[in-house]
C-alpha cells in the first residue's frame, strides 16, 4: 500500500507521552477530509487519490516493552510500523525508519511532539506549492498544558532550545542557505523520503546534540533548500527542571567537541574572541551566563 505521508518517530520509554502524540496524529485534518484539494497536481505524485493519507513509523531506540505493549493494546486510524534497534541515538532510528517508509514524503517529529490538527496538511500544501526537492520546517513551541518556567521561556527565545525568533523575517519563505543548517529542527520537519534516504544521519555521532545541524549542513551543501512554514505548528511536551537544562548545556559542549572531531568543517565550537566572550559572559549570574559556563565545562570535559 502507498501512502501520502510517512511520519517518523524515534521513541524510548515514554509510552504515555507517545500515546498522546499518536492521538494528535489521529486528529489530523487529512485523515478527516482526505488530502488537500490540489492533490491531483502533476508536480506532486505523492498526492494520488488512491493512496492512504498517513503511515507512522515508530522506532524504539533500544528495547522498550512498555511502548510495545501500549501499541499492541491500542489502535489508531492509520497504519503503524513499530520496531526496535539496538540502543544508539535518534539519527540511527530515523535512518532505519526511512528505509521502510512507503511514502515519497516524510515528516520527522519526536515522541513528545504534539502536532496541531492541520500540521500535516500544512506541510503537504507547502510541498505542493514549492520546489520538488526541499525541506519544510514547521513551528514548534512548548505544549501550553505544561508549567512553562521562565528558564524554559528563555530557552525558546534565546535559541538554546529553538531559534524561531530569528526566522520571523522568513515566514512562509525560504531560509537563506548561509544560515539554514542552524534551523533543520527534526522536531517538525518534512522532506522527500528520497533525500533523507540518500543523506542519512551520521551513525557515529553518539552524544546528544548537533547531529541535526551537521545533517542540515550536508543538505545545504547539496543545494536542498529549507522553507519555513510557521502555520504547521507542533507543541513540545517536555518540562525541563532547571538542573536538567544545565546538564543539557554541558552535554552540548561535549557533543560539539566530539562532532567537530568527526567533521572539522562544521565549526560549531567558539574560538578566539568568541570563546573569550563565552568565558566573560559565563561569569554573570544570568541564564545565558550559566549556559555558556556549562557549555565550556562540557568542552573541557570532552578534551
C-alpha atoms as a PDB file:
ATOM      1  CA  UNK A   1       0.000   0.000   0.000  1.00  0.00           C
ATOM      2  CA  UNK A   2       1.191   3.503  -0.804  1.00  0.00           C
ATOM      3  CA  UNK A   3       0.805   6.496   1.482  1.00  0.00           C
ATOM      4  CA  UNK A   4       0.884  10.259   1.085  1.00  0.00           C
ATOM      5  CA  UNK A   5       2.962  10.908   4.217  1.00  0.00           C
ATOM      6  CA  UNK A   6       5.211   8.776   6.433  1.00  0.00           C
ATOM      7  CA  UNK A   7       5.642  10.214   9.944  1.00  0.00           C
ATOM      8  CA  UNK A   8       8.916   9.055  11.528  1.00  0.00           C
ATOM      9  CA  UNK A   9       9.130   8.979  15.327  1.00  0.00           C
ATOM     10  CA  UNK A  10      12.174   7.828  17.327  1.00  0.00           C
ATOM     11  CA  UNK A  11      10.945   6.704  20.743  1.00  0.00           C
ATOM     12  CA  UNK A  12      12.206   5.318  24.012  1.00  0.00           C
ATOM     13  CA  UNK A  13      10.437   4.531  27.240  1.00  0.00           C
ATOM     14  CA  UNK A  14       7.742   7.237  27.171  1.00  0.00           C
ATOM     15  CA  UNK A  15       4.595   5.302  26.208  1.00  0.00           C
ATOM     16  CA  UNK A  16       2.110   7.701  27.806  1.00  0.00           C
ATOM     17  CA  UNK A  17       3.510  10.720  26.003  1.00  0.00           C
ATOM     18  CA  UNK A  18       3.840   8.755  22.762  1.00  0.00           C
ATOM     19  CA  UNK A  19       0.177   7.766  23.080  1.00  0.00           C
ATOM     20  CA  UNK A  20      -0.782  11.445  23.179  1.00  0.00           C
ATOM     21  CA  UNK A  21       1.500  12.102  20.189  1.00  0.00           C
ATOM     22  CA  UNK A  22      -0.381   9.425  18.255  1.00  0.00           C
ATOM     23  CA  UNK A  23      -3.737  10.812  19.402  1.00  0.00           C
ATOM     24  CA  UNK A  24      -2.742  14.161  17.874  1.00  0.00           C
ATOM     25  CA  UNK A  25      -1.859  12.433  14.599  1.00  0.00           C
ATOM     26  CA  UNK A  26      -5.272  10.723  14.674  1.00  0.00           C
ATOM     27  CA  UNK A  27      -6.875  14.188  14.781  1.00  0.00           C
ATOM     28  CA  UNK A  28      -5.143  15.382  11.585  1.00  0.00           C
ATOM     29  CA  UNK A  29      -7.383  17.049   9.030  1.00  0.00           C
ATOM     30  CA  UNK A  30      -6.005  14.954   6.170  1.00  0.00           C
ATOM     31  CA  UNK A  31      -7.433  11.871   7.889  1.00  0.00           C
ATOM     32  CA  UNK A  32     -10.838  13.507   8.232  1.00  0.00           C
ATOM     33  CA  UNK A  33     -11.105  15.220   4.852  1.00  0.00           C
ATOM     34  CA  UNK A  34      -8.638  13.313   2.714  1.00  0.00           C
ATOM     35  CA  UNK A  35      -5.669  15.059   1.203  1.00  0.00           C
ATOM     36  CA  UNK A  36      -5.537  18.740   0.142  1.00  0.00           C
ATOM     37  CA  UNK A  37      -7.785  19.814  -2.694  1.00  0.00           C
ATOM     38  CA  UNK A  38      -4.919  20.150  -5.151  1.00  0.00           C
ATOM     39  CA  UNK A  39      -3.657  16.635  -4.663  1.00  0.00           C
ATOM     40  CA  UNK A  40      -4.113  15.740  -8.338  1.00  0.00           C
ATOM     41  CA  UNK A  41      -1.349  18.168  -9.301  1.00  0.00           C
ATOM     42  CA  UNK A  42       1.072  16.555 -11.748  1.00  0.00           C
ATOM     43  CA  UNK A  43       4.010  18.050  -9.814  1.00  0.00           C
ATOM     44  CA  UNK A  44       3.386  16.000  -6.665  1.00  0.00           C
ATOM     45  CA  UNK A  45       2.688  12.370  -7.408  1.00  0.00           C
ATOM     46  CA  UNK A  46       2.593  11.582  -3.685  1.00  0.00           C
ATOM     47  CA  UNK A  47      -0.905  13.102  -3.622  1.00  0.00           C
ATOM     48  CA  UNK A  48      -2.532  10.496  -5.865  1.00  0.00           C
ATOM     49  CA  UNK A  49      -6.133   9.749  -4.968  1.00  0.00           C
ATOM     50  CA  UNK A  50      -5.694   6.013  -4.464  1.00  0.00           C
ATOM     51  CA  UNK A  51      -3.123   6.497  -1.704  1.00  0.00           C
ATOM     52  CA  UNK A  52      -3.851   6.439   2.027  1.00  0.00           C
ATOM     53  CA  UNK A  53      -3.091   9.652   3.933  1.00  0.00           C
ATOM     54  CA  UNK A  54      -0.694   8.615   6.701  1.00  0.00           C
ATOM     55  CA  UNK A  55       1.535   5.867   7.980  1.00  0.00           C
ATOM     56  CA  UNK A  56       3.503   6.213  11.208  1.00  0.00           C
ATOM     57  CA  UNK A  57       6.894   4.562  11.669  1.00  0.00           C
ATOM     58  CA  UNK A  58       7.944   4.307  15.317  1.00  0.00           C
ATOM     59  CA  UNK A  59      11.491   3.141  16.014  1.00  0.00           C
ATOM     60  CA  UNK A  60      12.424   2.345  19.584  1.00  0.00           C
ATOM     61  CA  UNK A  61      15.967   3.368  20.499  1.00  0.00           C
ATOM     62  CA  UNK A  62      16.699   0.164  22.399  1.00  0.00           C
ATOM     63  CA  UNK A  63      14.300  -2.389  23.931  1.00  0.00           C
ATOM     64  CA  UNK A  64      11.059  -0.860  25.223  1.00  0.00           C
ATOM     65  CA  UNK A  65       8.499  -3.393  26.427  1.00  0.00           C
ATOM     66  CA  UNK A  66       6.048  -0.797  27.766  1.00  0.00           C
ATOM     67  CA  UNK A  67       5.808   1.007  24.436  1.00  0.00           C
ATOM     68  CA  UNK A  68       5.420  -2.271  22.562  1.00  0.00           C
ATOM     69  CA  UNK A  69       2.611  -3.290  24.940  1.00  0.00           C
ATOM     70  CA  UNK A  70       0.845   0.067  24.561  1.00  0.00           C
ATOM     71  CA  UNK A  71       0.936  -0.137  20.774  1.00  0.00           C
ATOM     72  CA  UNK A  72      -0.362  -3.704  20.851  1.00  0.00           C
ATOM     73  CA  UNK A  73      -3.317  -2.856  23.090  1.00  0.00           C
ATOM     74  CA  UNK A  74      -4.458   0.374  21.399  1.00  0.00           C
ATOM     75  CA  UNK A  75      -5.306   1.330  17.841  1.00  0.00           C
ATOM     76  CA  UNK A  76      -5.475   4.470  15.688  1.00  0.00           C
ATOM     77  CA  UNK A  77      -6.972   5.298  12.262  1.00  0.00           C
ATOM     78  CA  UNK A  78      -3.659   4.872  10.433  1.00  0.00           C
ATOM     79  CA  UNK A  79      -1.134   2.139   9.883  1.00  0.00           C
ATOM     80  CA  UNK A  80       1.790   1.834  12.295  1.00  0.00           C
ATOM     81  CA  UNK A  81       5.136   0.191  11.726  1.00  0.00           C
ATOM     82  CA  UNK A  82       6.939  -0.412  15.027  1.00  0.00           C
ATOM     83  CA  UNK A  83      10.314  -1.988  15.628  1.00  0.00           C
ATOM     84  CA  UNK A  84      13.340  -1.572  17.892  1.00  0.00           C
ATOM     85  CA  UNK A  85      17.013  -1.072  17.116  1.00  0.00           C
ATOM     86  CA  UNK A  86      19.959  -1.618  19.478  1.00  0.00           C
ATOM     87  CA  UNK A  87      20.420   1.386  21.790  1.00  0.00           C
ATOM     88  CA  UNK A  88      22.181   4.041  19.783  1.00  0.00           C
ATOM     89  CA  UNK A  89      20.715   7.508  19.076  1.00  0.00           C
ATOM     90  CA  UNK A  90      17.852   9.237  17.261  1.00  0.00           C
ATOM     91  CA  UNK A  91      19.686   9.549  13.956  1.00  0.00           C
ATOM     92  CA  UNK A  92      20.035   5.794  13.690  1.00  0.00           C
ATOM     93  CA  UNK A  93      16.306   5.407  14.367  1.00  0.00           C
ATOM     94  CA  UNK A  94      15.468   7.869  11.593  1.00  0.00           C
ATOM     95  CA  UNK A  95      17.806   6.113   9.168  1.00  0.00           C
ATOM     96  CA  UNK A  96      16.219   2.713   9.803  1.00  0.00           C
ATOM     97  CA  UNK A  97      12.742   4.241   9.548  1.00  0.00           C
ATOM     98  CA  UNK A  98      13.215   5.902   6.160  1.00  0.00           C
ATOM     99  CA  UNK A  99      14.436   2.586   4.782  1.00  0.00           C
ATOM    100  CA  UNK A 100      10.924   1.263   5.451  1.00  0.00           C
ATOM    101  CA  UNK A 101       8.935   4.359   4.512  1.00  0.00           C
ATOM    102  CA  UNK A 102       6.242   3.760   1.871  1.00  0.00           C
ATOM    103  CA  UNK A 103       5.540   7.405   1.067  1.00  0.00           C
ATOM    104  CA  UNK A 104       7.614   9.742  -1.101  1.00  0.00           C
ATOM    105  CA  UNK A 105       7.228  12.376   1.669  1.00  0.00           C
ATOM    106  CA  UNK A 106       8.356  12.003   5.301  1.00  0.00           C
ATOM    107  CA  UNK A 107       7.703  14.131   8.376  1.00  0.00           C
ATOM    108  CA  UNK A 108      10.232  13.966  11.217  1.00  0.00           C
ATOM    109  CA  UNK A 109       8.939  14.546  14.747  1.00  0.00           C
ATOM    110  CA  UNK A 110       9.767  13.322  18.262  1.00  0.00           C
ATOM    111  CA  UNK A 111       7.804  11.083  20.585  1.00  0.00           C
ATOM    112  CA  UNK A 112       6.938  14.155  22.692  1.00  0.00           C
ATOM    113  CA  UNK A 113       5.772  16.365  19.804  1.00  0.00           C
ATOM    114  CA  UNK A 114       2.022  17.052  19.620  1.00  0.00           C
ATOM    115  CA  UNK A 115       1.030  18.143  16.118  1.00  0.00           C
ATOM    116  CA  UNK A 116      -1.688  20.758  15.643  1.00  0.00           C
ATOM    117  CA  UNK A 117      -4.681  19.266  13.770  1.00  0.00           C
ATOM    118  CA  UNK A 118      -3.757  20.820  10.423  1.00  0.00           C
ATOM    119  CA  UNK A 119       0.031  20.410  10.704  1.00  0.00           C
ATOM    120  CA  UNK A 120       0.308  17.524   8.234  1.00  0.00           C
ATOM    121  CA  UNK A 121      -1.942  19.301   5.755  1.00  0.00           C
ATOM    122  CA  UNK A 122       0.166  22.462   6.045  1.00  0.00           C
ATOM    123  CA  UNK A 123       3.346  20.506   5.349  1.00  0.00           C
ATOM    124  CA  UNK A 124       1.845  18.793   2.320  1.00  0.00           C
ATOM    125  CA  UNK A 125       0.469  22.018   0.860  1.00  0.00           C
ATOM    126  CA  UNK A 126       3.857  23.704   1.271  1.00  0.00           C
ATOM    127  CA  UNK A 127       5.450  20.892  -0.727  1.00  0.00           C
ATOM    128  CA  UNK A 128       2.752  21.246  -3.395  1.00  0.00           C
ATOM    129  CA  UNK A 129       3.489  24.945  -3.835  1.00  0.00           C
ATOM    130  CA  UNK A 130       7.258  24.743  -3.551  1.00  0.00           C
ATOM    131  CA  UNK A 131      10.167  23.006  -5.167  1.00  0.00           C
ATOM    132  CA  UNK A 132      10.117  19.243  -5.654  1.00  0.00           C
ATOM    133  CA  UNK A 133      13.243  18.712  -3.556  1.00  0.00           C
ATOM    134  CA  UNK A 134      13.044  20.911  -0.486  1.00  0.00           C
ATOM    135  CA  UNK A 135      12.635  20.691   3.271  1.00  0.00           C
ATOM    136  CA  UNK A 136       9.710  22.302   5.083  1.00  0.00           C
ATOM    137  CA  UNK A 137      10.243  23.456   8.655  1.00  0.00           C
ATOM    138  CA  UNK A 138       7.171  23.828  10.842  1.00  0.00           C
ATOM    139  CA  UNK A 139       6.913  25.898  14.018  1.00  0.00           C
ATOM    140  CA  UNK A 140       7.450  24.224  17.404  1.00  0.00           C
ATOM    141  CA  UNK A 141       6.734  25.753  20.790  1.00  0.00           C
ATOM    142  CA  UNK A 142       6.152  24.438  24.297  1.00  0.00           C
ATOM    143  CA  UNK A 143       2.989  22.489  24.977  1.00  0.00           C
ATOM    144  CA  UNK A 144       0.738  25.031  26.756  1.00  0.00           C
ATOM    145  CA  UNK A 145      -0.512  22.331  29.118  1.00  0.00           C
ATOM    146  CA  UNK A 146       2.927  22.367  30.785  1.00  0.00           C
ATOM    147  CA  UNK A 147       4.028  24.738  33.500  1.00  0.00           C
ATOM    148  CA  UNK A 148       6.396  26.844  31.395  1.00  0.00           C
ATOM    149  CA  UNK A 149       9.081  28.271  33.656  1.00  0.00           C
ATOM    150  CA  UNK A 150      10.984  31.494  32.951  1.00  0.00           C
ATOM    151  CA  UNK A 151      14.040  29.369  32.146  1.00  0.00           C
ATOM    152  CA  UNK A 152      12.083  27.310  29.597  1.00  0.00           C
ATOM    153  CA  UNK A 153      10.785  30.515  28.027  1.00  0.00           C
ATOM    154  CA  UNK A 154      14.344  31.822  27.810  1.00  0.00           C
ATOM    155  CA  UNK A 155      15.450  28.575  26.120  1.00  0.00           C
ATOM    156  CA  UNK A 156      12.820  29.124  23.450  1.00  0.00           C
ATOM    157  CA  UNK A 157      13.524  32.810  22.872  1.00  0.00           C
ATOM    158  CA  UNK A 158      17.324  32.616  23.006  1.00  0.00           C
ATOM    159  CA  UNK A 159      17.823  29.795  20.543  1.00  0.00           C
ATOM    160  CA  UNK A 160      19.226  27.403  23.150  1.00  0.00           C
ATOM    161  CA  UNK A 161      16.206  25.181  22.513  1.00  0.00           C
ATOM    162  CA  UNK A 162      14.790  26.628  19.279  1.00  0.00           C
ATOM    163  CA  UNK A 163      15.661  29.822  17.434  1.00  0.00           C
ATOM    164  CA  UNK A 164      12.351  30.647  15.805  1.00  0.00           C
ATOM    165  CA  UNK A 165      12.501  34.374  16.671  1.00  0.00           C
ATOM    166  CA  UNK A 166      15.469  34.565  14.270  1.00  0.00           C
ATOM    167  CA  UNK A 167      13.231  33.238  11.475  1.00  0.00           C
ATOM    168  CA  UNK A 168      10.496  35.885  11.749  1.00  0.00           C
ATOM    169  CA  UNK A 169      11.639  37.679   8.585  1.00  0.00           C
ATOM    170  CA  UNK A 170      11.469  34.380   6.645  1.00  0.00           C
ATOM    171  CA  UNK A 171       7.892  33.419   7.490  1.00  0.00           C
ATOM    172  CA  UNK A 172       6.367  31.465   4.591  1.00  0.00           C
ATOM    173  CA  UNK A 173       9.618  31.870   2.684  1.00  0.00           C
ATOM    174  CA  UNK A 174      12.927  30.165   2.034  1.00  0.00           C
ATOM    175  CA  UNK A 175      15.588  30.481   4.728  1.00  0.00           C
ATOM    176  CA  UNK A 176      18.883  31.827   3.305  1.00  0.00           C
ATOM    177  CA  UNK A 177      21.237  28.920   2.583  1.00  0.00           C
ATOM    178  CA  UNK A 178      24.052  30.509   4.605  1.00  0.00           C
ATOM    179  CA  UNK A 179      22.088  30.011   7.852  1.00  0.00           C
ATOM    180  CA  UNK A 180      19.639  27.213   7.118  1.00  0.00           C
ATOM    181  CA  UNK A 181      21.750  24.480   8.748  1.00  0.00           C
ATOM    182  CA  UNK A 182      21.079  26.049  12.160  1.00  0.00           C
ATOM    183  CA  UNK A 183      17.331  25.540  11.729  1.00  0.00           C
ATOM    184  CA  UNK A 184      16.962  21.961  10.478  1.00  0.00           C
ATOM    185  CA  UNK A 185      14.964  21.057  13.577  1.00  0.00           C
ATOM    186  CA  UNK A 186      13.814  17.449  13.348  1.00  0.00           C
ATOM    187  CA  UNK A 187      11.008  18.078  15.820  1.00  0.00           C
ATOM    188  CA  UNK A 188       8.782  19.250  12.940  1.00  0.00           C
ATOM    189  CA  UNK A 189      10.458  18.920   9.538  1.00  0.00           C
ATOM    190  CA  UNK A 190       9.284  17.309   6.293  1.00  0.00           C
ATOM    191  CA  UNK A 191      11.179  16.412   3.127  1.00  0.00           C
ATOM    192  CA  UNK A 192      11.107  13.887   0.286  1.00  0.00           C
ATOM    193  CA  UNK A 193      11.964  10.422   1.578  1.00  0.00           C
ATOM    194  CA  UNK A 194      14.467  10.003  -1.239  1.00  0.00           C
ATOM    195  CA  UNK A 195      16.530  12.941   0.031  1.00  0.00           C
ATOM    196  CA  UNK A 196      16.626  11.544   3.571  1.00  0.00           C
ATOM    197  CA  UNK A 197      17.431   8.061   2.280  1.00  0.00           C
ATOM    198  CA  UNK A 198      20.339   9.413   0.230  1.00  0.00           C
ATOM    199  CA  UNK A 199      21.530  11.778   3.007  1.00  0.00           C
ATOM    200  CA  UNK A 200      21.186   9.850   6.227  1.00  0.00           C
ATOM    201  CA  UNK A 201      22.160  10.986   9.703  1.00  0.00           C
ATOM    202  CA  UNK A 202      25.649  10.152  10.909  1.00  0.00           C
ATOM    203  CA  UNK A 203      25.614   6.972  12.961  1.00  0.00           C
ATOM    204  CA  UNK A 204      28.945   7.649  14.668  1.00  0.00           C
ATOM    205  CA  UNK A 205      27.661  10.779  16.459  1.00  0.00           C
ATOM    206  CA  UNK A 206      26.879   9.092  19.750  1.00  0.00           C
ATOM    207  CA  UNK A 207      26.261  12.057  22.062  1.00  0.00           C
ATOM    208  CA  UNK A 208      23.111  14.178  22.222  1.00  0.00           C
ATOM    209  CA  UNK A 209      23.166  17.418  20.253  1.00  0.00           C
ATOM    210  CA  UNK A 210      24.279  18.904  16.914  1.00  0.00           C
ATOM    211  CA  UNK A 211      23.543  15.864  14.745  1.00  0.00           C
ATOM    212  CA  UNK A 212      20.626  17.784  13.181  1.00  0.00           C
ATOM    213  CA  UNK A 213      22.932  20.713  12.403  1.00  0.00           C
ATOM    214  CA  UNK A 214      25.593  18.501  10.814  1.00  0.00           C
ATOM    215  CA  UNK A 215      22.921  16.779   8.722  1.00  0.00           C
ATOM    216  CA  UNK A 216      21.450  20.144   7.754  1.00  0.00           C
ATOM    217  CA  UNK A 217      24.843  21.419   6.624  1.00  0.00           C
ATOM    218  CA  UNK A 218      25.267  18.452   4.277  1.00  0.00           C
ATOM    219  CA  UNK A 219      21.845  19.130   2.785  1.00  0.00           C
ATOM    220  CA  UNK A 220      22.677  22.813   2.407  1.00  0.00           C
ATOM    221  CA  UNK A 221      25.954  21.925   0.673  1.00  0.00           C
ATOM    222  CA  UNK A 222      23.968  19.769  -1.757  1.00  0.00           C
ATOM    223  CA  UNK A 223      21.569  22.566  -2.604  1.00  0.00           C
ATOM    224  CA  UNK A 224      18.472  21.329  -0.725  1.00  0.00           C
ATOM    225  CA  UNK A 225      16.546  24.481   0.311  1.00  0.00           C
ATOM    226  CA  UNK A 226      14.690  24.994   3.588  1.00  0.00           C
ATOM    227  CA  UNK A 227      11.223  26.586   3.533  1.00  0.00           C
ATOM    228  CA  UNK A 228       9.740  27.904   6.798  1.00  0.00           C
ATOM    229  CA  UNK A 229       6.001  27.280   7.215  1.00  0.00           C
ATOM    230  CA  UNK A 230       5.053  28.801  10.601  1.00  0.00           C
ATOM    231  CA  UNK A 231       1.439  27.650  10.338  1.00  0.00           C
ATOM    232  CA  UNK A 232       2.490  23.970  10.507  1.00  0.00           C
ATOM    233  CA  UNK A 233       2.508  24.019  14.301  1.00  0.00           C
ATOM    234  CA  UNK A 234       3.619  21.498  16.885  1.00  0.00           C
ATOM    235  CA  UNK A 235       3.841  21.536  20.672  1.00  0.00           C
ATOM    236  CA  UNK A 236       6.797  20.147  22.604  1.00  0.00           C
ATOM    237  CA  UNK A 237       5.664  18.224  25.681  1.00  0.00           C
ATOM    238  CA  UNK A 238       8.850  18.274  27.733  1.00  0.00           C
ATOM    239  CA  UNK A 239       9.007  20.071  31.046  1.00  0.00           C
ATOM    240  CA  UNK A 240      12.608  20.938  31.973  1.00  0.00           C
ATOM    241  CA  UNK A 241      13.745  21.243  35.565  1.00  0.00           C
ATOM    242  CA  UNK A 242      16.485  23.851  35.951  1.00  0.00           C
ATOM    243  CA  UNK A 243      19.282  21.351  36.601  1.00  0.00           C
ATOM    244  CA  UNK A 244      18.232  19.344  33.552  1.00  0.00           C
ATOM    245  CA  UNK A 245      18.746  22.449  31.415  1.00  0.00           C
ATOM    246  CA  UNK A 246      22.295  22.938  32.697  1.00  0.00           C
ATOM    247  CA  UNK A 247      23.169  19.269  32.224  1.00  0.00           C
ATOM    248  CA  UNK A 248      21.916  19.662  28.654  1.00  0.00           C
ATOM    249  CA  UNK A 249      24.168  22.726  28.162  1.00  0.00           C
ATOM    250  CA  UNK A 250      27.170  20.742  29.372  1.00  0.00           C
ATOM    251  CA  UNK A 251      26.281  17.848  27.066  1.00  0.00           C
ATOM    252  CA  UNK A 252      26.051  20.256  24.124  1.00  0.00           C
ATOM    253  CA  UNK A 253      29.630  21.339  24.821  1.00  0.00           C
ATOM    254  CA  UNK A 254      30.836  17.746  24.966  1.00  0.00           C
ATOM    255  CA  UNK A 255      28.972  16.732  21.818  1.00  0.00           C
ATOM    256  CA  UNK A 256      30.238  19.799  19.925  1.00  0.00           C
ATOM    257  CA  UNK A 257      33.825  18.683  20.570  1.00  0.00           C
ATOM    258  CA  UNK A 258      33.031  15.099  19.581  1.00  0.00           C
ATOM    259  CA  UNK A 259      31.219  16.053  16.387  1.00  0.00           C
ATOM    260  CA  UNK A 260      33.842  18.569  15.259  1.00  0.00           C
ATOM    261  CA  UNK A 261      36.479  15.862  15.681  1.00  0.00           C
ATOM    262  CA  UNK A 262      34.479  13.836  13.143  1.00  0.00           C
ATOM    263  CA  UNK A 263      33.591  16.788  10.891  1.00  0.00           C
ATOM    264  CA  UNK A 264      36.201  19.577  11.299  1.00  0.00           C
ATOM    265  CA  UNK A 265      34.446  21.752   8.701  1.00  0.00           C
ATOM    266  CA  UNK A 266      31.368  22.049  10.927  1.00  0.00           C
ATOM    267  CA  UNK A 267      32.929  24.851  13.038  1.00  0.00           C
ATOM    268  CA  UNK A 268      30.415  24.978  15.866  1.00  0.00           C
ATOM    269  CA  UNK A 269      32.835  25.470  18.774  1.00  0.00           C
ATOM    270  CA  UNK A 270      33.579  29.009  19.984  1.00  0.00           C
ATOM    271  CA  UNK A 271      37.111  30.110  19.121  1.00  0.00           C
ATOM    272  CA  UNK A 272      39.290  33.153  19.649  1.00  0.00           C
ATOM    273  CA  UNK A 273      37.345  36.262  20.648  1.00  0.00           C
ATOM    274  CA  UNK A 274      34.086  34.331  20.692  1.00  0.00           C
ATOM    275  CA  UNK A 275      35.471  31.840  23.209  1.00  0.00           C
ATOM    276  CA  UNK A 276      36.733  34.712  25.358  1.00  0.00           C
ATOM    277  CA  UNK A 277      33.250  36.266  25.191  1.00  0.00           C
ATOM    278  CA  UNK A 278      31.743  32.947  26.328  1.00  0.00           C
ATOM    279  CA  UNK A 279      34.105  32.932  29.325  1.00  0.00           C
ATOM    280  CA  UNK A 280      33.357  36.550  30.263  1.00  0.00           C
ATOM    281  CA  UNK A 281      29.574  36.221  29.896  1.00  0.00           C
ATOM    282  CA  UNK A 282      29.829  32.956  31.824  1.00  0.00           C
ATOM    283  CA  UNK A 283      30.882  34.958  34.896  1.00  0.00           C
ATOM    284  CA  UNK A 284      27.481  36.678  35.085  1.00  0.00           C
ATOM    285  CA  UNK A 285      24.575  35.223  37.113  1.00  0.00           C
ATOM    286  CA  UNK A 286      22.185  35.144  34.135  1.00  0.00           C
ATOM    287  CA  UNK A 287      20.614  32.309  32.172  1.00  0.00           C
ATOM    288  CA  UNK A 288      22.950  32.944  29.253  1.00  0.00           C
ATOM    289  CA  UNK A 289      25.924  33.186  31.591  1.00  0.00           C
ATOM    290  CA  UNK A 290      25.120  29.837  33.175  1.00  0.00           C
ATOM    291  CA  UNK A 291      24.548  28.263  29.753  1.00  0.00           C
ATOM    292  CA  UNK A 292      27.934  29.467  28.453  1.00  0.00           C
ATOM    293  CA  UNK A 293      29.660  28.356  31.656  1.00  0.00           C
ATOM    294  CA  UNK A 294      28.208  24.850  31.420  1.00  0.00           C
ATOM    295  CA  UNK A 295      28.897  24.649  27.688  1.00  0.00           C
ATOM    296  CA  UNK A 296      32.577  25.477  28.250  1.00  0.00           C
ATOM    297  CA  UNK A 297      32.714  22.947  31.074  1.00  0.00           C
ATOM    298  CA  UNK A 298      31.383  20.317  28.680  1.00  0.00           C
ATOM    299  CA  UNK A 299      34.056  21.266  26.147  1.00  0.00           C
ATOM    300  CA  UNK A 300      36.801  20.869  28.758  1.00  0.00           C
ATOM    301  CA  UNK A 301      35.494  17.515  29.944  1.00  0.00           C
ATOM    302  CA  UNK A 302      35.445  16.199  26.380  1.00  0.00           C
ATOM    303  CA  UNK A 303      39.116  17.038  25.923  1.00  0.00           C
END
